[in-house]
Protein backbone atom coordinates (compact mmCIF):
# COMPACT_ATOMS: atom_id res chain seq x y z
CA MET A 1 78.43 167.02 55.60
CA ASP A 2 80.72 165.13 53.66
CA ARG A 3 79.20 164.28 49.39
CA LEU A 4 78.88 159.89 49.97
CA PHE A 5 76.71 160.95 52.26
CA THR A 6 74.30 162.76 50.05
CA SER A 7 74.67 160.32 47.03
CA ARG A 8 73.06 157.55 48.85
CA LEU A 9 70.25 159.74 49.83
CA ALA A 10 69.55 160.83 46.42
CA ASP A 11 69.90 157.10 45.35
CA TYR A 12 67.31 156.29 48.08
CA GLN A 13 65.00 159.11 46.81
CA SER A 14 64.94 158.30 43.00
CA GLU A 15 64.03 154.77 43.85
CA HIS A 16 61.43 156.12 46.22
CA PRO A 17 59.63 159.16 44.94
CA LEU A 18 57.46 159.05 48.36
CA SER A 19 60.38 158.65 51.01
CA CYS A 20 60.25 161.78 53.47
CA PHE A 21 63.86 162.61 52.81
CA ASN A 22 63.28 163.89 49.12
CA SER A 23 65.54 166.48 47.65
CA ASN A 24 65.72 167.41 44.22
CA LYS A 25 70.37 167.19 44.68
CA ASN A 26 71.95 165.26 41.75
CA CYS A 27 74.57 163.72 42.06
CA GLU A 28 77.31 163.93 39.26
CA ASP A 29 79.87 161.27 40.99
CA ALA A 30 80.17 158.29 39.26
CA ASP A 31 83.27 157.00 41.59
CA THR A 32 80.66 157.39 44.03
CA HIS A 33 77.24 155.84 42.95
CA ARG A 34 79.85 152.84 42.88
CA HIS A 35 79.93 152.71 46.98
CA ILE A 36 76.36 153.60 47.93
CA ASP A 37 74.06 150.23 46.48
CA SER A 38 74.69 148.56 49.55
CA TYR A 39 73.00 151.15 51.22
CA ASN A 40 69.39 151.60 50.01
CA ASN A 41 68.44 148.37 52.14
CA ASN A 42 69.35 149.85 55.33
CA LEU A 43 68.01 153.79 54.56
CA SER A 44 64.44 151.64 53.60
CA GLN A 45 64.13 150.16 56.75
CA PHE A 46 64.65 153.54 58.55
CA LEU A 47 64.00 156.52 56.68
CA LEU A 48 60.61 155.31 55.42
CA PRO A 49 57.49 158.20 56.66
CA SER A 50 54.94 157.28 58.43
CA ARG A 51 52.84 159.66 56.57
CA ARG A 52 52.92 159.58 52.83
CA ASP A 53 50.75 162.96 52.74
CA LYS A 54 53.94 164.92 54.42
CA SER A 55 56.94 163.13 52.54
CA ARG A 56 57.27 166.11 49.65
CA GLN A 57 57.09 168.60 52.44
CA CYS A 58 60.97 167.39 53.33
CA ASN A 59 64.44 168.16 51.88
CA SER A 60 66.90 165.78 52.25
CA PHE A 61 69.70 165.54 55.24
CA MET A 62 71.84 168.37 53.04
CA ASP A 63 71.28 171.86 52.50
CA ASP A 64 71.75 174.03 49.36
CA GLU A 65 74.50 175.49 51.49
CA ASP A 66 76.70 172.91 52.89
CA PHE A 67 80.08 171.18 51.42
CA SER A 68 78.37 168.56 50.42
CA PHE A 69 79.12 168.32 45.90
CA LYS A 70 81.69 170.57 46.65
CA GLN A 71 84.23 169.06 49.06
CA PHE A 72 87.01 168.51 46.54
CA LEU A 73 86.89 172.01 46.08
CA PRO A 74 89.85 174.62 48.43
CA PHE A 75 87.97 175.81 51.51
CA LYS A 76 88.04 179.02 50.18
CA GLU A 77 86.16 178.18 47.25
CA MET A 78 83.78 176.25 48.92
CA PHE A 79 82.65 179.43 51.10
CA ASN A 80 82.86 182.12 48.44
CA SER A 81 80.82 179.41 46.51
CA ASN A 82 78.46 179.03 49.04
CA GLN A 83 77.72 182.64 49.79
CA THR A 84 77.02 183.81 46.17
CA GLY A 85 74.30 180.09 46.20
CA LYS A 86 72.25 181.72 49.25
CA GLY A 87 68.90 182.72 48.89
CA THR A 88 68.46 179.16 46.94
CA THR A 89 66.54 177.48 49.45
CA GLY A 90 63.59 175.20 47.16
CA PRO A 91 59.91 175.16 47.67
CA ASN A 92 60.20 171.74 49.49
CA GLN A 93 62.14 173.04 51.87
CA PHE A 94 61.24 174.25 55.28
CA SER A 95 63.69 177.87 55.54
CA SER A 96 61.74 179.13 58.30
CA THR A 97 64.46 176.31 59.66
CA ARG A 98 67.66 176.38 57.64
CA ALA A 99 71.35 177.92 57.99
CA THR A 100 69.67 182.10 56.54
CA SER A 101 67.78 181.57 60.41
CA SER A 102 69.04 184.64 62.80
CA ARG A 103 68.01 183.35 66.19
CA SER A 104 71.51 182.67 67.85
CA SER A 105 70.85 179.64 70.22
CA GLU A 106 66.91 179.17 70.90
CA VAL A 107 64.43 176.82 71.77
CA PRO A 108 62.28 175.96 67.97
CA ASP A 109 59.03 177.01 68.59
CA PRO A 110 56.83 174.09 69.92
CA SER A 111 54.72 174.33 66.60
CA LEU A 112 57.52 172.98 64.57
CA PHE A 113 57.45 169.73 66.63
CA SER A 114 54.41 168.80 66.52
CA GLU A 115 53.88 169.87 62.50
CA LEU A 116 56.54 167.16 61.85
CA ASN A 117 55.11 164.77 64.62
CA PRO A 118 51.93 164.90 66.16
CA SER A 119 52.71 161.82 68.02
CA PHE A 120 56.51 162.94 69.41
CA PRO A 121 56.10 162.88 73.27
CA GLU A 122 54.69 166.12 75.33
CA GLU A 123 58.10 166.30 76.66
CA PHE A 124 59.07 168.62 74.15
CA GLY A 125 55.29 169.85 74.28
CA PRO A 126 54.62 173.71 74.09
CA ALA A 127 56.09 174.24 78.32
CA GLY A 128 59.59 173.17 76.16
CA SER A 129 60.29 172.01 79.45
CA ARG A 130 63.57 169.26 78.31
CA CYS A 131 64.89 172.36 75.83
CA ILE A 132 66.82 173.44 79.42
CA ASN A 133 68.82 176.65 78.60
CA GLY A 134 68.47 176.73 75.23
CA ARG A 135 69.28 173.26 74.67
CA TRP A 136 67.08 171.96 72.06
CA ALA A 137 69.64 169.84 70.27
CA SER A 138 71.40 168.00 72.81
CA ASN A 139 67.77 166.83 73.99
CA LEU A 140 66.82 166.07 70.49
CA LEU A 141 70.46 163.91 70.15
CA LEU A 142 70.19 162.09 73.39
CA GLU A 143 66.58 161.49 72.65
CA CYS A 144 67.58 160.35 69.13
CA ALA A 145 71.01 158.25 71.01
CA ARG A 146 68.24 156.49 73.82
CA ALA A 147 65.52 155.20 70.26
CA ILE A 148 68.78 153.53 68.62
CA VAL A 149 69.55 151.80 71.46
CA GLN A 150 66.05 150.92 71.88
CA ASN A 151 66.37 149.29 68.09
CA GLU A 152 63.18 151.61 67.89
CA LYS A 153 63.24 152.03 64.51
CA SER A 154 59.83 153.90 63.84
CA ARG A 155 60.96 156.60 66.76
CA THR A 156 64.29 156.94 65.27
CA GLN A 157 63.26 158.25 61.88
CA HIS A 158 60.45 161.46 63.42
CA LEU A 159 64.17 161.50 65.17
CA LEU A 160 66.42 161.83 62.54
CA TRP A 161 63.70 164.00 60.67
CA MET A 162 63.10 167.01 62.92
CA LEU A 163 67.19 167.06 63.81
CA ASN A 164 67.69 167.33 59.74
CA GLU A 165 64.75 170.16 59.64
CA LEU A 166 66.64 172.73 62.06
CA SER A 167 69.57 171.84 61.70
CA SER A 168 72.66 173.68 59.59
CA PRO A 169 76.76 173.73 59.38
CA TYR A 170 76.34 177.22 59.71
CA GLY A 171 73.43 177.99 62.11
CA ASP A 172 74.45 178.41 66.00
CA CYS A 173 76.35 176.12 67.92
CA GLU A 174 73.38 173.80 68.66
CA GLN A 175 71.86 174.21 65.06
CA LYS A 176 75.57 172.78 63.98
CA LEU A 177 76.04 169.87 66.91
CA ALA A 178 72.77 168.48 65.46
CA SER A 179 73.55 169.05 62.09
CA TYR A 180 77.34 166.87 62.78
CA PHE A 181 75.62 164.40 65.80
CA LEU A 182 73.31 163.66 62.14
CA GLN A 183 75.72 162.24 60.18
CA ALA A 184 77.27 160.03 62.54
CA PHE A 185 73.79 158.58 63.45
CA PHE A 186 72.66 158.25 59.74
CA CYS A 187 76.33 155.50 60.16
CA LYS A 188 75.34 154.36 62.56
CA ILE A 189 72.09 152.67 61.97
CA THR A 190 72.66 152.00 58.64
CA ASP A 191 76.50 150.20 58.96
CA THR A 192 78.02 152.49 57.39
CA GLY A 193 80.35 153.99 59.49
CA PRO A 194 84.22 152.86 59.02
CA ARG A 195 83.31 153.53 55.25
CA CYS A 196 82.34 157.07 55.15
CA TYR A 197 85.10 157.58 57.91
CA THR A 198 87.37 156.67 54.98
CA THR A 199 86.21 158.89 52.32
CA LEU A 200 85.74 161.83 55.19
CA CYS A 201 89.68 161.28 55.43
CA SER A 202 90.22 160.79 51.57
CA ALA A 203 88.11 164.02 51.40
CA ALA A 204 89.59 166.27 53.57
CA ASP A 205 93.04 165.14 51.73
CA LYS A 206 92.34 166.12 49.05
CA THR A 207 91.27 168.95 49.70
CA TYR A 208 94.11 170.20 51.30
CA SER A 209 96.21 172.79 51.64
CA PHE A 210 98.89 173.32 53.99
CA ASP A 211 98.77 177.34 53.29
CA SER A 212 95.04 177.31 54.62
CA THR A 213 96.04 174.82 57.15
CA ARG A 214 98.31 176.51 59.16
CA LYS A 215 96.17 179.69 58.96
CA MET A 216 93.86 178.17 60.75
CA ILE A 217 96.54 176.62 63.15
CA LEU A 218 97.35 180.35 63.58
CA LYS A 219 94.37 181.53 64.10
CA PHE A 220 92.98 179.01 66.38
CA GLN A 221 95.67 179.93 68.90
CA GLU A 222 95.20 183.34 68.38
CA SER A 223 91.16 183.06 69.76
CA SER A 224 91.57 180.05 71.67
CA PRO A 225 93.60 178.01 74.19
CA TRP A 226 92.47 174.70 73.19
CA THR A 227 96.15 173.65 72.23
CA THR A 228 98.59 176.68 73.54
CA PHE A 229 98.12 175.64 77.23
CA GLY A 230 99.40 172.08 76.70
CA HIS A 231 102.43 173.67 74.12
CA VAL A 232 103.45 176.40 77.27
CA ALA A 233 102.75 174.21 79.65
CA ALA A 234 104.74 171.24 78.17
CA ASN A 235 107.70 173.28 77.37
CA GLY A 236 107.86 174.72 80.86
CA ALA A 237 107.93 171.13 81.40
CA ILE A 238 110.85 170.07 79.46
CA LEU A 239 113.16 173.26 79.36
CA GLU A 240 113.00 172.55 83.07
CA ALA A 241 114.03 168.73 82.52
CA PHE A 242 117.31 170.16 80.36
CA GLU A 243 118.40 172.31 83.33
CA GLY A 244 122.20 172.37 82.09
CA GLU A 245 122.13 170.23 79.84
CA MET A 246 124.51 170.85 76.58
CA LYS A 247 122.86 168.11 73.87
CA LEU A 248 119.27 168.18 73.73
CA HIS A 249 116.91 166.06 71.51
CA ILE A 250 113.47 165.83 71.67
CA VAL A 251 110.42 163.18 69.68
CA ASP A 252 107.83 164.93 68.58
CA LEU A 253 104.59 163.11 68.46
CA SER A 254 102.46 166.07 67.79
CA ASN A 255 101.07 166.59 64.50
CA THR A 256 100.58 170.39 65.23
CA PHE A 257 102.68 171.76 62.44
CA CYS A 258 106.26 172.69 64.93
CA THR A 259 104.08 175.99 66.08
CA GLN A 260 104.93 175.10 69.70
CA TRP A 261 108.79 175.36 69.61
CA PRO A 262 109.62 178.14 68.53
CA THR A 263 108.57 179.40 71.97
CA LEU A 264 110.84 176.60 73.01
CA LEU A 265 113.65 178.32 71.05
CA GLU A 266 113.69 181.74 71.95
CA ALA A 267 113.99 180.36 75.51
CA LEU A 268 116.45 177.94 74.90
CA ALA A 269 118.52 181.35 73.01
CA THR A 270 118.18 183.51 76.86
CA ARG A 271 119.74 180.65 79.28
CA SER A 272 121.66 181.49 81.36
CA ASP A 273 124.62 178.92 80.87
CA ASP A 274 125.66 178.20 77.00
CA THR A 275 123.29 177.66 74.67
CA PRO A 276 122.32 174.10 74.07
CA HIS A 277 122.52 171.76 71.23
CA LEU A 278 118.66 170.92 70.34
CA ARG A 279 117.75 167.76 67.41
CA LEU A 280 114.09 168.11 66.96
CA THR A 281 112.54 164.85 65.67
CA THR A 282 108.97 164.29 64.64
CA VAL A 283 107.46 161.69 64.00
CA VAL A 284 104.43 161.83 60.74
CA THR A 285 101.60 159.47 61.10
CA SER A 286 100.02 160.65 57.86
CA LYS A 287 99.45 157.94 55.39
CA GLU A 288 99.40 161.21 52.71
CA ALA A 289 102.95 161.36 51.09
CA THR A 290 102.71 165.34 50.63
CA ALA A 291 103.23 165.82 55.09
CA ILE A 292 106.30 164.28 54.81
CA LYS A 293 106.72 167.05 52.47
CA VAL A 294 105.20 170.28 54.23
CA MET A 295 106.96 168.91 57.59
CA LYS A 296 110.05 169.50 55.60
CA GLU A 297 109.68 173.17 54.78
CA ILE A 298 108.70 173.61 58.28
CA GLY A 299 111.77 171.97 58.54
CA GLN A 300 113.19 174.59 57.10
CA ARG A 301 112.34 177.54 58.55
CA MET A 302 112.31 175.98 62.12
CA GLU A 303 116.43 175.65 61.07
CA LYS A 304 115.96 179.03 59.67
CA PHE A 305 114.63 180.51 62.81
CA ALA A 306 117.06 179.11 65.30
CA ARG A 307 119.88 180.72 63.34
CA LEU A 308 118.08 183.86 64.31
CA MET A 309 118.20 183.05 68.09
CA GLY A 310 121.65 181.63 67.94
CA VAL A 311 120.35 178.12 69.01
CA PRO A 312 122.19 175.11 67.28
CA PHE A 313 119.67 172.96 65.77
CA GLU A 314 119.36 169.74 64.12
CA PHE A 315 115.67 168.68 62.55
CA SER A 316 114.59 165.42 60.97
CA VAL A 317 110.99 164.16 59.65
CA ILE A 318 110.55 159.88 60.35
CA HIS A 319 107.19 158.51 58.97
CA GLN A 320 105.81 155.99 61.01
CA HIS A 321 102.31 154.06 59.76
CA HIS A 322 101.04 153.33 63.17
CA LEU A 323 102.44 155.20 66.18
CA HIS A 324 102.22 151.69 68.84
CA LYS A 325 104.83 149.83 66.64
CA LEU A 326 107.06 152.66 66.71
CA ASN A 327 110.57 151.91 64.98
CA VAL A 328 112.78 153.63 67.77
CA SER A 329 116.22 152.61 65.65
CA ALA A 330 115.26 155.27 62.95
CA LEU A 331 114.65 157.86 65.73
CA LYS A 332 118.91 157.96 66.40
CA ILE A 333 118.97 158.65 69.77
CA ARG A 334 122.47 159.31 71.59
CA PRO A 335 122.87 158.56 75.37
CA ASP A 336 124.81 161.42 75.75
CA GLU A 337 121.51 163.72 74.81
CA ALA A 338 119.37 164.65 77.03
CA LEU A 339 115.75 163.28 75.32
CA ALA A 340 112.16 164.78 75.93
CA ILE A 341 108.87 163.48 74.70
CA ASN A 342 106.27 164.43 73.85
CA CYS A 343 102.93 163.60 72.82
CA ILE A 344 100.28 166.36 72.10
CA HIS A 345 97.14 164.92 71.35
CA SER A 346 99.15 161.85 69.62
CA LEU A 347 97.95 159.32 71.95
CA GLN A 348 94.29 159.41 71.27
CA ARG A 349 95.34 158.21 67.99
CA VAL A 350 97.55 154.97 69.34
CA SER A 351 94.52 152.09 69.08
CA LYS A 352 93.71 150.76 72.50
CA ASN A 353 95.49 147.98 72.33
CA GLY A 354 98.93 149.34 71.23
CA ARG A 355 98.76 151.84 73.88
CA ASP A 356 100.32 149.49 77.10
CA SER A 357 102.92 148.92 74.79
CA ILE A 358 103.61 152.58 73.26
CA LEU A 359 104.64 153.77 76.70
CA SER A 360 106.59 151.10 77.73
CA THR A 361 108.16 151.81 74.44
CA PHE A 362 109.04 155.40 75.36
CA TYR A 363 109.94 153.39 79.11
CA SER A 364 112.79 152.06 76.95
CA MET A 365 114.59 155.29 75.78
CA ASN A 366 114.79 155.92 79.43
CA PRO A 367 113.74 159.95 78.33
CA LYS A 368 114.51 162.63 80.72
CA ILE A 369 110.83 163.73 80.72
CA VAL A 370 107.22 162.41 79.18
CA THR A 371 104.99 165.68 78.02
CA VAL A 372 101.17 164.22 77.52
CA VAL A 373 98.66 166.24 77.05
CA GLU A 374 94.92 164.72 75.32
CA ASP A 375 91.37 166.30 75.63
CA GLU A 376 89.59 165.64 78.84
CA VAL A 377 86.94 163.35 77.38
CA ASP A 378 86.09 158.90 78.59
CA LEU A 379 85.31 157.37 75.36
CA THR A 380 86.58 153.76 76.49
CA HIS A 381 82.09 153.24 77.11
CA GLU A 382 81.39 149.71 74.91
CA ASP A 383 77.45 150.67 74.79
CA PHE A 384 76.76 153.16 72.28
CA GLY A 385 74.50 155.28 75.14
CA SER A 386 76.89 156.52 77.14
CA CYS A 387 79.38 156.90 74.83
CA PHE A 388 77.43 159.22 72.97
CA SER A 389 76.60 160.57 76.16
CA GLU A 390 80.27 161.74 76.72
CA CYS A 391 80.23 162.28 73.07
CA LEU A 392 78.17 164.94 72.91
CA ARG A 393 79.40 166.95 76.21
CA PHE A 394 83.06 167.21 74.66
CA PHE A 395 82.21 168.68 71.48
CA SER A 396 79.06 170.59 73.04
CA LEU A 397 81.81 171.95 75.08
CA PHE A 398 84.42 172.69 72.15
CA PHE A 399 81.06 174.01 69.90
CA ASP A 400 80.90 176.15 72.54
CA SER A 401 84.30 177.15 73.16
CA LEU A 402 84.26 177.94 68.84
CA GLU A 403 81.08 180.17 69.18
CA GLU A 404 83.38 182.64 71.61
CA SER A 405 86.71 182.62 69.27
CA PHE A 406 85.02 182.72 65.87
CA SER A 407 83.08 184.38 63.57
CA ARG A 408 79.84 181.88 62.68
CA THR A 409 81.02 181.28 59.32
CA SER A 410 84.80 182.49 59.42
CA ASN A 411 86.76 178.84 56.91
CA GLU A 412 89.22 178.48 60.07
CA ARG A 413 86.00 177.31 62.34
CA LEU A 414 84.01 175.37 59.47
CA MET A 415 87.56 173.70 59.40
CA LEU A 416 87.89 172.84 62.56
CA GLU A 417 83.99 171.65 63.33
CA ARG A 418 84.87 169.40 60.76
CA THR A 419 87.18 168.04 61.89
CA SER A 420 85.46 166.87 64.50
CA ALA A 421 82.40 165.71 62.94
CA ARG A 422 85.14 162.89 61.06
CA SER A 423 85.38 161.93 64.70
CA MET A 424 81.96 161.78 64.96
CA VAL A 425 81.87 159.20 63.05
CA ASN A 426 84.33 157.99 63.45
CA ILE A 427 83.59 157.38 67.60
CA LEU A 428 79.50 156.66 67.32
CA ALA A 429 80.40 155.12 64.06
CA CYS A 430 83.18 152.81 63.66
CA ASP A 431 84.18 149.35 65.39
CA ASP A 432 87.00 148.62 63.10
CA SER A 433 89.31 148.66 65.66
CA GLU A 434 92.28 149.95 63.72
CA VAL A 435 90.54 153.52 63.26
CA TYR A 436 88.23 152.95 66.14
CA GLU A 437 89.51 156.63 68.24
CA ARG A 438 88.79 156.25 71.68
CA ARG A 439 90.29 159.52 73.79
CA GLU A 440 90.51 158.03 77.35
CA LYS A 441 90.70 161.07 80.23
CA GLY A 442 93.68 162.21 82.84
CA ALA A 443 92.68 159.94 85.13
CA GLN A 444 92.82 156.93 82.93
CA TRP A 445 96.42 157.46 81.15
CA ALA A 446 97.96 158.28 84.63
CA TRP A 447 97.24 155.04 85.53
CA ARG A 448 99.21 153.44 82.15
CA LEU A 449 101.84 155.77 82.44
CA LYS A 450 102.02 155.12 86.11
CA GLU A 451 102.13 150.41 85.38
CA ALA A 452 104.67 150.99 82.74
CA GLY A 453 106.73 152.44 85.48
CA PHE A 454 107.10 156.07 85.35
CA ILE A 455 106.58 158.46 87.77
CA HIS A 456 104.06 161.67 88.20
CA ALA A 457 106.51 165.15 87.81
CA ALA A 458 104.42 167.83 88.34
CA PHE A 459 104.28 171.35 87.47
CA SER A 460 106.34 173.87 89.04
CA ASP A 461 105.32 177.28 90.34
CA ASP A 462 106.61 178.93 87.28
CA VAL A 463 104.62 176.48 85.06
CA VAL A 464 101.16 177.37 86.55
CA ASP A 465 102.55 181.51 86.28
CA ASP A 466 103.07 181.20 82.06
CA VAL A 467 99.73 179.39 81.95
CA ARG A 468 97.53 181.61 84.18
CA ALA A 469 99.40 184.60 82.05
CA LEU A 470 98.56 182.95 78.88
CA LEU A 471 94.81 183.05 79.93
CA LYS A 472 94.78 185.99 81.14
CA ARG A 473 95.35 186.88 76.87
CA TYR A 474 92.11 185.75 75.81
CA LYS A 475 88.69 185.95 76.39
CA GLU A 476 86.78 185.86 79.78
CA GLY A 477 86.18 182.29 80.38
CA TRP A 478 89.28 180.44 80.15
CA GLY A 479 90.77 178.76 83.59
CA HIS A 480 92.68 176.16 84.78
CA CYS A 481 92.25 173.47 88.30
CA SER A 482 94.66 170.69 88.68
CA ASN A 483 95.14 167.36 90.65
CA SER A 484 97.86 164.79 91.90
CA ASP A 485 97.84 163.77 88.29
CA GLY A 486 98.19 167.27 86.09
CA LEU A 487 96.90 170.59 84.87
CA PHE A 488 93.60 170.72 83.39
CA LEU A 489 92.08 173.67 81.35
CA THR A 490 88.93 174.31 82.03
CA TRP A 491 86.29 176.26 79.83
CA LYS A 492 83.36 177.95 81.39
CA GLU A 493 84.33 175.85 84.97
CA GLN A 494 83.99 172.60 82.60
CA CYS A 495 87.52 170.73 82.27
CA ALA A 496 88.21 170.74 78.72
CA ILE A 497 92.15 169.60 78.61
CA TRP A 498 94.10 167.48 79.84
CA ALA A 499 98.34 167.88 80.06
CA SER A 500 101.22 166.34 82.10
CA ALA A 501 104.37 165.74 82.22
CA TRP A 502 105.91 162.19 83.47
CA LYS A 503 109.34 160.62 84.50
CA PRO A 504 110.82 156.96 84.33
CA CYS A 505 110.95 155.70 87.54
CA LEU A 506 114.86 154.84 88.32
């Protein structure tokens, strides 16, 4: 969790020593304190305990093993520091339920629920009737979301208390889900989502390391088809659309550090006819100046690889703050080039009001092909309950896939999970349209694309065979299915990613 989040609690506890969320942690960041004065009034109405005699038995939202006060350190250093600090659980903490627990996805002891809150409903009684298949976190989180929607402050307080005691960012899948959604709930009930999200993004930028990020991406692609599925499907559609063309231009709106393109360059090098000239333009949306520098470094590596493959290659980077305001003139589109527009998990970053606009811009560019890969999740619900249910379903699926792909506390997995944690805050606790993340399912994007003047270009049997061969490289549980709008990556028979290709109507 973030340092700001913990500091808000620390401030509150210093002013309210009888608070249930008692902690002996001290905030050392003066800048953080300047941001949190306005939060204390909101905290008091949600976090005051109903039983003061239990107040000194509870710890803060953050456990000693979290990144709370180490947010601006490199990931590796944070992880190593954490390891050396194990076993320092304080006397006020329920250490048996924290990160040191060796249990894996077990239903917590029902007696713990009774001890934490004797008035908690019987639905979480000794039989554990609501904890189906060990999914205790999902059930607790759903109950907490319901209490928030119904404005039951006392019940919300108790549920947050229990989530705090049972969660850990270093535990099993259920503990991790509880830990990260807990932060999103806290931001929701205190109306601090936008500020918290901005702080989390700023902290992530300050800890950013190209080497660690590259390692994470490559390890993720090696362990899971979550991103490579879209790469293979999109590359197959682009190569087929470019067949016979000698001057090619790809506008890449993705943020995967060009890991998609080496296989495409290799395929172009082995084409049966003459090797075409490829121009790749990458659009960077990050506000950090280092992002441009990193992409230029990647471009140099791409150019070296293209020379090795014998493919004439040209690389350029443009900076665009908002994709829906894409500056087409900066792309320097040439009429004698076949154009492809590649969107890998990028359209979800476009504001809801700007999505039709960016698709209309694509159509005006007259591309040969537009490839779109997005998460298969609908987060367009206006009411909090429905939005949370879909958010929980999707991130439960994602975290479960990570459980099968990484060790529990690997640096790469922690980076991926913390990225998801920022998204949870954005989705559930931010109302600012400029940063509000509203992901849409494939059917919704398909409708938008058709309205913008595109027709679906079905993946050929060869592309589907390539996807099938890719999935065989990974652990059992991954699969694919398709419908009239595209191809889906599935994990344990649940759709996770949607990939599609589109052509403008003539």
